[in-house]
Amino acid sequence: MKRIAIAMTALALTAGSVAVAQASDTADRMPHQVTAEQTVTVDAARVMSARELSRAGVDAAAQVTVTDFSNGKPVDTYTR
C-alpha cells in the first residue's frame, strides 16, 4: 500500500513539473508588437468590400494605409 502511495506521489510530481515546463515554453511564443516592413496608401475601395466600408463608416475614396506583402515577382499559382 505504501508503494502505491509513493508511486502516485511521484507520478503527480512528475506531471506537475511537465506542466510547468510546457507553460514556460509557451511564453516564448506569445505574440508581440511588430512593425510593418513596407506600407502603401491606397483607396479604401481597393482593399475593402462595400459591406466592410459601410460597417466601418469609411468612404470608398478615403486613403488607407495597408501593409504590402508583394515581392515584385509574378504570382505562380500552379507550381508547388
PDB file of N, CA and C in Angstrom:
ATOM      1  N   MET A   1       0.821  -1.189   0.000  1.00  0.00           N
ATOM      2  CA  MET A   1       0.000   0.000   0.000  1.00  0.00           C
ATOM      3  C   MET A   1       0.868   1.257   0.000  1.00  0.00           C
ATOM      4  N   LYS A   2       1.981   1.214   0.761  1.00  0.00           N
ATOM      5  CA  LYS A   2       2.872   2.373   0.796  1.00  0.00           C
ATOM      6  C   LYS A   2       3.526   2.574  -0.565  1.00  0.00           C
ATOM      7  N   ARG A   3       3.838   1.474  -1.242  1.00  0.00           N
ATOM      8  CA  ARG A   3       4.464   1.583  -2.559  1.00  0.00           C
ATOM      9  C   ARG A   3       3.527   2.259  -3.558  1.00  0.00           C
ATOM     10  N   ILE A   4       2.261   1.940  -3.467  1.00  0.00           N
ATOM     11  CA  ILE A   4       1.286   2.571  -4.360  1.00  0.00           C
ATOM     12  C   ILE A   4       1.197   4.068  -4.068  1.00  0.00           C
ATOM     13  N   ALA A   5       1.179   4.427  -2.803  1.00  0.00           N
ATOM     14  CA  ALA A   5       1.117   5.840  -2.435  1.00  0.00           C
ATOM     15  C   ALA A   5       2.366   6.584  -2.903  1.00  0.00           C
ATOM     16  N   ILE A   6       3.535   5.960  -2.750  1.00  0.00           N
ATOM     17  CA  ILE A   6       4.785   6.583  -3.201  1.00  0.00           C
ATOM     18  C   ILE A   6       4.783   6.738  -4.721  1.00  0.00           C
ATOM     19  N   ALA A   7       4.320   5.713  -5.423  1.00  0.00           N
ATOM     20  CA  ALA A   7       4.267   5.775  -6.886  1.00  0.00           C
ATOM     21  C   ALA A   7       3.306   6.861  -7.356  1.00  0.00           C
ATOM     22  N   MET A   8       2.163   6.971  -6.705  1.00  0.00           N
ATOM     23  CA  MET A   8       1.190   8.004  -7.078  1.00  0.00           C
ATOM     24  C   MET A   8       1.740   9.411  -6.808  1.00  0.00           C
ATOM     25  N   THR A   9       2.449   9.579  -5.690  1.00  0.00           N
ATOM     26  CA  THR A   9       3.047  10.867  -5.363  1.00  0.00           C
ATOM     27  C   THR A   9       4.103  11.242  -6.398  1.00  0.00           C
ATOM     28  N   ALA A  10       4.946  10.296  -6.773  1.00  0.00           N
ATOM     29  CA  ALA A  10       5.977  10.549  -7.778  1.00  0.00           C
ATOM     30  C   ALA A  10       5.344  10.896  -9.124  1.00  0.00           C
ATOM     31  N   LEU A  11       4.280  10.202  -9.473  1.00  0.00           N
ATOM     32  CA  LEU A  11       3.590  10.481 -10.725  1.00  0.00           C
ATOM     33  C   LEU A  11       2.989  11.880 -10.726  1.00  0.00           C
ATOM     34  N   ALA A  12       2.385  12.268  -9.616  1.00  0.00           N
ATOM     35  CA  ALA A  12       1.784  13.598  -9.513  1.00  0.00           C
ATOM     36  C   ALA A  12       2.847  14.694  -9.603  1.00  0.00           C
ATOM     37  N   LEU A  13       3.984  14.500  -8.948  1.00  0.00           N
ATOM     38  CA  LEU A  13       5.056  15.491  -9.008  1.00  0.00           C
ATOM     39  C   LEU A  13       5.639  15.597 -10.414  1.00  0.00           C
ATOM     40  N   THR A  14       5.783  14.481 -11.083  1.00  0.00           N
ATOM     41  CA  THR A  14       6.305  14.491 -12.448  1.00  0.00           C
ATOM     42  C   THR A  14       5.348  15.209 -13.393  1.00  0.00           C
ATOM     43  N   ALA A  15       4.070  14.924 -13.279  1.00  0.00           N
ATOM     44  CA  ALA A  15       3.078  15.570 -14.133  1.00  0.00           C
ATOM     45  C   ALA A  15       3.050  17.081 -13.886  1.00  0.00           C
ATOM     46  N   GLY A  16       3.189  17.483 -12.649  1.00  0.00           N
ATOM     47  CA  GLY A  16       3.206  18.908 -12.325  1.00  0.00           C
ATOM     48  C   GLY A  16       4.411  19.613 -12.905  1.00  0.00           C
ATOM     49  N   SER A  17       5.569  18.982 -12.838  1.00  0.00           N
ATOM     50  CA  SER A  17       6.772  19.615 -13.381  1.00  0.00           C
ATOM     51  C   SER A  17       6.716  19.694 -14.903  1.00  0.00           C
ATOM     52  N   VAL A  18       6.107  18.709 -15.555  1.00  0.00           N
ATOM     53  CA  VAL A  18       5.955  18.749 -17.011  1.00  0.00           C
ATOM     54  C   VAL A  18       5.014  19.891 -17.402  1.00  0.00           C
ATOM     55  N   ALA A  19       3.949  20.064 -16.650  1.00  0.00           N
ATOM     56  CA  ALA A  19       3.007  21.149 -16.950  1.00  0.00           C
ATOM     57  C   ALA A  19       3.668  22.510 -16.789  1.00  0.00           C
ATOM     58  N   VAL A  20       4.480  22.688 -15.793  1.00  0.00           N
ATOM     59  CA  VAL A  20       5.183  23.960 -15.588  1.00  0.00           C
ATOM     60  C   VAL A  20       6.181  24.198 -16.714  1.00  0.00           C
ATOM     61  N   ALA A  21       6.879  23.168 -17.139  1.00  0.00           N
ATOM     62  CA  ALA A  21       7.854  23.306 -18.226  1.00  0.00           C
ATOM     63  C   ALA A  21       7.161  23.709 -19.519  1.00  0.00           C
ATOM     64  N   GLN A  22       6.002  23.147 -19.797  1.00  0.00           N
ATOM     65  CA  GLN A  22       5.272  23.500 -21.006  1.00  0.00           C
ATOM     66  C   GLN A  22       4.724  24.914 -20.923  1.00  0.00           C
ATOM     67  N   ALA A  23       4.303  25.351 -19.758  1.00  0.00           N
ATOM     68  CA  ALA A  23       3.767  26.700 -19.604  1.00  0.00           C
ATOM     69  C   ALA A  23       4.839  27.747 -19.830  1.00  0.00           C
ATOM     70  N   SER A  24       6.053  27.513 -19.350  1.00  0.00           N
ATOM     71  CA  SER A  24       7.112  28.492 -19.556  1.00  0.00           C
ATOM     72  C   SER A  24       7.585  28.487 -20.999  1.00  0.00           C
ATOM     73  N   ASP A  25       7.445  27.370 -21.693  1.00  0.00           N
ATOM     74  CA  ASP A  25       7.832  27.288 -23.093  1.00  0.00           C
ATOM     75  C   ASP A  25       6.909  28.120 -23.970  1.00  0.00           C
ATOM     76  N   THR A  26       5.622  28.185 -23.636  1.00  0.00           N
ATOM     77  CA  THR A  26       4.678  28.952 -24.448  1.00  0.00           C
ATOM     78  C   THR A  26       4.874  30.447 -24.282  1.00  0.00           C
ATOM     79  N   ALA A  27       5.517  30.885 -23.214  1.00  0.00           N
ATOM     80  CA  ALA A  27       5.742  32.316 -23.031  1.00  0.00           C
ATOM     81  C   ALA A  27       6.660  32.870 -24.120  1.00  0.00           C
ATOM     82  N   ASP A  28       7.542  32.044 -24.663  1.00  0.00           N
ATOM     83  CA  ASP A  28       8.424  32.493 -25.735  1.00  0.00           C
ATOM     84  C   ASP A  28       7.684  32.679 -27.047  1.00  0.00           C
ATOM     85  N   ARG A  29       6.569  31.988 -27.205  1.00  0.00           N
ATOM     86  CA  ARG A  29       5.814  32.059 -28.454  1.00  0.00           C
ATOM     87  C   ARG A  29       4.656  33.042 -28.386  1.00  0.00           C
ATOM     88  N   MET A  30       4.538  33.795 -27.331  1.00  0.00           N
ATOM     89  CA  MET A  30       3.446  34.745 -27.208  1.00  0.00           C
ATOM     90  C   MET A  30       3.600  35.843 -28.251  1.00  0.00           C
ATOM     91  N   PRO A  31       2.491  36.331 -28.829  1.00  0.00           N
ATOM     92  CA  PRO A  31       2.588  37.383 -29.833  1.00  0.00           C
ATOM     93  C   PRO A  31       3.144  38.673 -29.223  1.00  0.00           C
ATOM     94  N   HIS A  32       3.853  39.403 -30.020  1.00  0.00           N
ATOM     95  CA  HIS A  32       4.407  40.672 -29.568  1.00  0.00           C
ATOM     96  C   HIS A  32       4.249  41.693 -30.682  1.00  0.00           C
ATOM     97  N   GLN A  33       4.451  42.944 -30.354  1.00  0.00           N
ATOM     98  CA  GLN A  33       4.235  44.017 -31.313  1.00  0.00           C
ATOM     99  C   GLN A  33       5.301  43.970 -32.406  1.00  0.00           C
ATOM    100  N   VAL A  34       4.848  44.124 -33.636  1.00  0.00           N
ATOM    101  CA  VAL A  34       5.756  44.165 -34.777  1.00  0.00           C
ATOM    102  C   VAL A  34       5.450  45.404 -35.604  1.00  0.00           C
ATOM    103  N   THR A  35       6.379  45.782 -36.443  1.00  0.00           N
ATOM    104  CA  THR A  35       6.154  46.918 -37.333  1.00  0.00           C
ATOM    105  C   THR A  35       6.122  46.415 -38.770  1.00  0.00           C
ATOM    106  N   ALA A  36       5.340  47.069 -39.600  1.00  0.00           N
ATOM    107  CA  ALA A  36       5.218  46.674 -40.995  1.00  0.00           C
ATOM    108  C   ALA A  36       6.489  47.056 -41.748  1.00  0.00           C
ATOM    109  N   GLU A  37       6.964  46.143 -42.581  1.00  0.00           N
ATOM    110  CA  GLU A  37       8.170  46.391 -43.369  1.00  0.00           C
ATOM    111  C   GLU A  37       7.914  47.418 -44.458  1.00  0.00           C
ATOM    112  N   GLN A  38       6.837  47.227 -45.215  1.00  0.00           N
ATOM    113  CA  GLN A  38       6.548  48.110 -46.338  1.00  0.00           C
ATOM    114  C   GLN A  38       5.062  48.432 -46.332  1.00  0.00           C
ATOM    115  N   THR A  39       4.730  49.701 -46.216  1.00  0.00           N
ATOM    116  CA  THR A  39       3.328  50.114 -46.231  1.00  0.00           C
ATOM    117  C   THR A  39       3.067  50.957 -47.467  1.00  0.00           C
ATOM    118  N   VAL A  40       1.835  50.903 -47.936  1.00  0.00           N
ATOM    119  CA  VAL A  40       1.400  51.701 -49.080  1.00  0.00           C
ATOM    120  C   VAL A  40       0.062  52.334 -48.732  1.00  0.00           C
ATOM    121  N   THR A  41      -0.232  53.438 -49.384  1.00  0.00           N
ATOM    122  CA  THR A  41      -1.509  54.120 -49.201  1.00  0.00           C
ATOM    123  C   THR A  41      -2.349  53.903 -50.458  1.00  0.00           C
ATOM    124  N   VAL A  42      -3.550  53.375 -50.271  1.00  0.00           N
ATOM    125  CA  VAL A  42      -4.442  53.073 -51.395  1.00  0.00           C
ATOM    126  C   VAL A  42      -5.849  53.545 -51.057  1.00  0.00           C
ATOM    127  N   ASP A  43      -6.717  53.573 -52.085  1.00  0.00           N
ATOM    128  CA  ASP A  43      -8.126  53.872 -51.846  1.00  0.00           C
ATOM    129  C   ASP A  43      -8.742  52.725 -51.055  1.00  0.00           C
ATOM    130  N   ALA A  44      -9.636  53.058 -50.163  1.00  0.00           N
ATOM    131  CA  ALA A  44     -10.273  52.037 -49.321  1.00  0.00           C
ATOM    132  C   ALA A  44     -11.043  51.026 -50.158  1.00  0.00           C
ATOM    133  N   ALA A  45     -11.591  51.442 -51.291  1.00  0.00           N
ATOM    134  CA  ALA A  45     -12.371  50.535 -52.145  1.00  0.00           C
ATOM    135  C   ALA A  45     -11.509  49.423 -52.738  1.00  0.00           C
ATOM    136  N   ARG A  46     -10.188  49.607 -52.827  1.00  0.00           N
ATOM    137  CA  ARG A  46      -9.312  48.568 -53.376  1.00  0.00           C
ATOM    138  C   ARG A  46      -9.101  47.418 -52.408  1.00  0.00           C
ATOM    139  N   VAL A  47      -9.239  47.665 -51.106  1.00  0.00           N
ATOM    140  CA  VAL A  47      -8.933  46.624 -50.124  1.00  0.00           C
ATOM    141  C   VAL A  47     -10.120  46.219 -49.259  1.00  0.00           C
ATOM    142  N   MET A  48     -11.238  46.915 -49.381  1.00  0.00           N
ATOM    143  CA  MET A  48     -12.413  46.602 -48.569  1.00  0.00           C
ATOM    144  C   MET A  48     -13.621  46.431 -49.473  1.00  0.00           C
ATOM    145  N   SER A  49     -14.517  45.526 -49.088  1.00  0.00           N
ATOM    146  CA  SER A  49     -15.751  45.330 -49.847  1.00  0.00           C
ATOM    147  C   SER A  49     -16.745  46.426 -49.464  1.00  0.00           C
ATOM    148  N   ALA A  50     -17.836  46.507 -50.219  1.00  0.00           N
ATOM    149  CA  ALA A  50     -18.860  47.519 -49.938  1.00  0.00           C
ATOM    150  C   ALA A  50     -19.448  47.319 -48.543  1.00  0.00           C
ATOM    151  N   ARG A  51     -19.631  46.067 -48.151  1.00  0.00           N
ATOM    152  CA  ARG A  51     -20.174  45.773 -46.817  1.00  0.00           C
ATOM    153  C   ARG A  51     -19.203  46.234 -45.725  1.00  0.00           C
ATOM    154  N   GLU A  52     -17.909  45.955 -45.916  1.00  0.00           N
ATOM    155  CA  GLU A  52     -16.908  46.375 -44.930  1.00  0.00           C
ATOM    156  C   GLU A  52     -16.819  47.889 -44.835  1.00  0.00           C
ATOM    157  N   LEU A  53     -16.917  48.560 -45.985  1.00  0.00           N
ATOM    158  CA  LEU A  53     -16.882  50.029 -45.988  1.00  0.00           C
ATOM    159  C   LEU A  53     -18.058  50.606 -45.219  1.00  0.00           C
ATOM    160  N   SER A  54     -19.248  50.046 -45.433  1.00  0.00           N
ATOM    161  CA  SER A  54     -20.423  50.579 -44.734  1.00  0.00           C
ATOM    162  C   SER A  54     -20.371  50.288 -43.243  1.00  0.00           C
ATOM    163  N   ARG A  55     -19.893  49.108 -42.868  1.00  0.00           N
ATOM    164  CA  ARG A  55     -19.787  48.784 -41.437  1.00  0.00           C
ATOM    165  C   ARG A  55     -18.764  49.670 -40.735  1.00  0.00           C
ATOM    166  N   ALA A  56     -17.665  49.965 -41.434  1.00  0.00           N
ATOM    167  CA  ALA A  56     -16.610  50.781 -40.826  1.00  0.00           C
ATOM    168  C   ALA A  56     -16.911  52.268 -40.919  1.00  0.00           C
ATOM    169  N   GLY A  57     -17.898  52.636 -41.746  1.00  0.00           N
ATOM    170  CA  GLY A  57     -18.223  54.045 -41.922  1.00  0.00           C
ATOM    171  C   GLY A  57     -17.129  54.794 -42.667  1.00  0.00           C
ATOM    172  N   VAL A  58     -16.500  54.105 -43.615  1.00  0.00           N
ATOM    173  CA  VAL A  58     -15.401  54.688 -44.380  1.00  0.00           C
ATOM    174  C   VAL A  58     -15.863  54.935 -45.804  1.00  0.00           C
ATOM    175  N   ASP A  59     -15.494  56.090 -46.372  1.00  0.00           N
ATOM    176  CA  ASP A  59     -15.818  56.417 -47.747  1.00  0.00           C
ATOM    177  C   ASP A  59     -14.920  55.594 -48.676  1.00  0.00           C
ATOM    178  N   ALA A  60     -15.445  55.173 -49.817  1.00  0.00           N
ATOM    179  CA  ALA A  60     -14.687  54.346 -50.751  1.00  0.00           C
ATOM    180  C   ALA A  60     -13.461  55.067 -51.294  1.00  0.00           C
ATOM    181  N   ALA A  61     -13.512  56.385 -51.362  1.00  0.00           N
ATOM    182  CA  ALA A  61     -12.396  57.159 -51.905  1.00  0.00           C
ATOM    183  C   ALA A  61     -11.372  57.536 -50.830  1.00  0.00           C
ATOM    184  N   ALA A  62     -11.641  57.175 -49.587  1.00  0.00           N
ATOM    185  CA  ALA A  62     -10.725  57.524 -48.494  1.00  0.00           C
ATOM    186  C   ALA A  62      -9.397  56.785 -48.666  1.00  0.00           C
ATOM    187  N   GLN A  63      -8.323  57.425 -48.299  1.00  0.00           N
ATOM    188  CA  GLN A  63      -6.995  56.814 -48.374  1.00  0.00           C
ATOM    189  C   GLN A  63      -6.725  56.047 -47.080  1.00  0.00           C
ATOM    190  N   VAL A  64      -6.313  54.789 -47.223  1.00  0.00           N
ATOM    191  CA  VAL A  64      -5.965  53.958 -46.073  1.00  0.00           C
ATOM    192  C   VAL A  64      -4.548  53.425 -46.258  1.00  0.00           C
ATOM    193  N   THR A  65      -3.858  53.199 -45.156  1.00  0.00           N
ATOM    194  CA  THR A  65      -2.512  52.652 -45.199  1.00  0.00           C
ATOM    195  C   THR A  65      -2.571  51.169 -44.877  1.00  0.00           C
ATOM    196  N   VAL A  66      -2.001  50.369 -45.758  1.00  0.00           N
ATOM    197  CA  VAL A  66      -2.001  48.924 -45.598  1.00  0.00           C
ATOM    198  C   VAL A  66      -0.584  48.390 -45.786  1.00  0.00           C
ATOM    199  N   THR A  67      -0.346  47.184 -45.306  1.00  0.00           N
ATOM    200  CA  THR A  67       0.951  46.547 -45.464  1.00  0.00           C
ATOM    201  C   THR A  67       1.019  45.860 -46.812  1.00  0.00           C
ATOM    202  N   ASP A  68       2.122  46.061 -47.529  1.00  0.00           N
ATOM    203  CA  ASP A  68       2.339  45.458 -48.840  1.00  0.00           C
ATOM    204  C   ASP A  68       3.218  44.223 -48.670  1.00  0.00           C
ATOM    205  N   PHE A  69       2.647  43.044 -48.956  1.00  0.00           N
ATOM    206  CA  PHE A  69       3.375  41.790 -48.811  1.00  0.00           C
ATOM    207  C   PHE A  69       3.937  41.280 -50.140  1.00  0.00           C
ATOM    208  N   SER A  70       3.772  42.048 -51.209  1.00  0.00           N
ATOM    209  CA  SER A  70       4.255  41.576 -52.503  1.00  0.00           C
ATOM    210  C   SER A  70       5.776  41.597 -52.547  1.00  0.00           C
ATOM    211  N   ASN A  71       6.333  40.744 -53.406  1.00  0.00           N
ATOM    212  CA  ASN A  71       7.781  40.703 -53.527  1.00  0.00           C
ATOM    213  C   ASN A  71       8.242  41.111 -54.914  1.00  0.00           C
ATOM    214  N   GLY A  72       7.349  41.640 -55.737  1.00  0.00           N
ATOM    215  CA  GLY A  72       7.708  42.110 -57.052  1.00  0.00           C
ATOM    216  C   GLY A  72       7.724  41.036 -58.117  1.00  0.00           C
ATOM    217  N   LYS A  73       7.556  39.783 -57.734  1.00  0.00           N
ATOM    218  CA  LYS A  73       7.561  38.694 -58.698  1.00  0.00           C
ATOM    219  C   LYS A  73       6.117  38.340 -59.066  1.00  0.00           C
ATOM    220  N   PRO A  74       5.889  37.822 -60.280  1.00  0.00           N
ATOM    221  CA  PRO A  74       4.531  37.399 -60.621  1.00  0.00           C
ATOM    222  C   PRO A  74       4.105  36.193 -59.771  1.00  0.00           C
ATOM    223  N   VAL A  75       2.826  36.122 -59.507  1.00  0.00           N
ATOM    224  CA  VAL A  75       2.311  35.028 -58.681  1.00  0.00           C
ATOM    225  C   VAL A  75       2.223  33.768 -59.536  1.00  0.00           C
ATOM    226  N   ASP A  76       2.811  32.683 -59.046  1.00  0.00           N
ATOM    227  CA  ASP A  76       2.796  31.408 -59.749  1.00  0.00           C
ATOM    228  C   ASP A  76       1.921  30.444 -58.948  1.00  0.00           C
ATOM    229  N   THR A  77       0.658  30.381 -59.287  1.00  0.00           N
ATOM    230  CA  THR A  77      -0.310  29.606 -58.527  1.00  0.00           C
ATOM    231  C   THR A  77      -0.152  28.108 -58.709  1.00  0.00           C
ATOM    232  N   TYR A  78       0.339  27.689 -59.872  1.00  0.00           N
ATOM    233  CA  TYR A  78       0.287  26.273 -60.217  1.00  0.00           C
ATOM    234  C   TYR A  78       1.531  25.493 -59.861  1.00  0.00           C
ATOM    235  N   THR A  79       2.580  26.145 -59.409  1.00  0.00           N
ATOM    236  CA  THR A  79       3.808  25.431 -59.050  1.00  0.00           C
ATOM    237  C   THR A  79       3.801  25.132 -57.562  1.00  0.00           C
ATOM    238  N   ARG A  80       4.189  23.924 -57.209  1.00  0.00           N
ATOM    239  CA  ARG A  80       4.252  23.567 -55.806  1.00  0.00           C
ATOM    240  C   ARG A  80       5.658  23.527 -55.337  1.00  0.00           C
TER     241      ARG A  80
END
